[in-house]
Every structure is written in structure tokens, then in C-alpha cells.
Protein backbone atom coordinates (compact mmCIF):
# COMPACT_ATOMS: atom_id res chain seq x y z
CA UNK A 1 35.51 -105.79 109.44
CA UNK A 2 38.78 -106.90 111.01
CA UNK A 3 41.11 -105.27 108.48
CA UNK A 4 42.03 -104.85 104.83
CA UNK A 5 45.09 -104.62 102.60
CA UNK A 6 45.76 -103.22 99.16
CA UNK A 7 46.47 -106.06 96.74
CA UNK A 8 47.00 -104.29 93.42
CA UNK A 9 46.45 -101.10 91.37
CA UNK A 10 46.54 -98.67 94.30
CA UNK A 11 46.85 -95.79 91.85
CA UNK A 12 43.28 -96.51 90.64
CA UNK A 13 41.67 -95.32 93.92
CA UNK A 14 38.32 -97.07 94.54
CA UNK A 15 38.89 -99.33 91.51
CA UNK A 16 41.95 -100.82 93.17
CA UNK A 17 41.92 -104.47 94.34
CA UNK A 18 41.65 -104.91 98.09
CA UNK A 19 41.55 -107.94 100.37
CA UNK A 20 39.23 -107.74 103.33
CA UNK A 21 39.27 -109.79 106.49
CA UNK A 22 35.66 -109.96 107.85
CA UNK A 23 33.75 -111.99 110.34
CA UNK A 24 30.07 -112.95 110.26
CA UNK A 25 29.19 -110.92 107.12
CA UNK A 26 27.27 -112.44 104.22
CA UNK A 27 28.57 -111.27 100.86
CA UNK A 28 27.11 -111.24 97.39
CA UNK A 29 29.36 -110.52 94.43
CA UNK A 30 27.19 -108.24 92.30
CA UNK A 31 29.41 -107.82 89.14
CA UNK A 32 31.35 -110.59 87.45
CA UNK A 33 34.69 -110.36 85.58
CA UNK A 34 32.84 -109.52 82.32
CA UNK A 35 30.98 -106.55 83.96
CA UNK A 36 27.68 -108.35 84.16
CA UNK A 37 25.63 -107.05 87.11
CA UNK A 38 23.29 -109.25 89.12
CA UNK A 39 21.29 -106.07 89.78
CA UNK A 40 20.38 -106.17 86.08
CA UNK A 41 20.25 -109.85 85.34
CA UNK A 42 18.46 -110.87 88.55
CA UNK A 43 15.28 -108.82 88.17
CA UNK A 44 15.07 -109.63 84.46
CA UNK A 45 15.38 -113.37 85.20
CA UNK A 46 12.80 -113.33 87.99
CA UNK A 47 10.33 -111.31 85.94
CA UNK A 48 10.54 -113.98 83.28
CA UNK A 49 10.26 -116.84 85.84
CA UNK A 50 7.14 -115.47 87.52
CA UNK A 51 5.40 -114.17 84.40
CA UNK A 52 3.20 -117.27 84.12
CA UNK A 53 2.11 -117.40 87.77
CA UNK A 54 -1.46 -116.30 88.22
CA UNK A 55 -2.18 -113.55 90.68
CA UNK A 56 -4.82 -114.46 93.28
CA UNK A 57 -7.11 -111.78 94.52
């Protein structure tokens, strides 16, 4: 990371909004503005998608 700056709500500690300046770092946003987490929706979606695929043994 090259640097960061506080954008808003500094009094909220780790819930504050920060801007980060990074280089060569892939990022995934895990929670959207409504609080929906990809860590919950992702596994549920993929379990549904692969449910019909037969398992070869």
C-alpha cells in the first residue's frame, strides 16, 4: 500500500471511511451498501448451481 487518508466519520474507528492508494493488489468488495455479504451469497449461489452436476467416481 502506498498510503491512505481518512475520508469521513473518523470518530467511528474501524467503521470510518478511508481511501487507500495501492498498487498491484486485486480487491474484492465483500459487503454491499445494503449489508449483503458475498461470503454468504456466494457459497449459497454456487451450491445451487452445482447441485445438478453428477459426481464421477
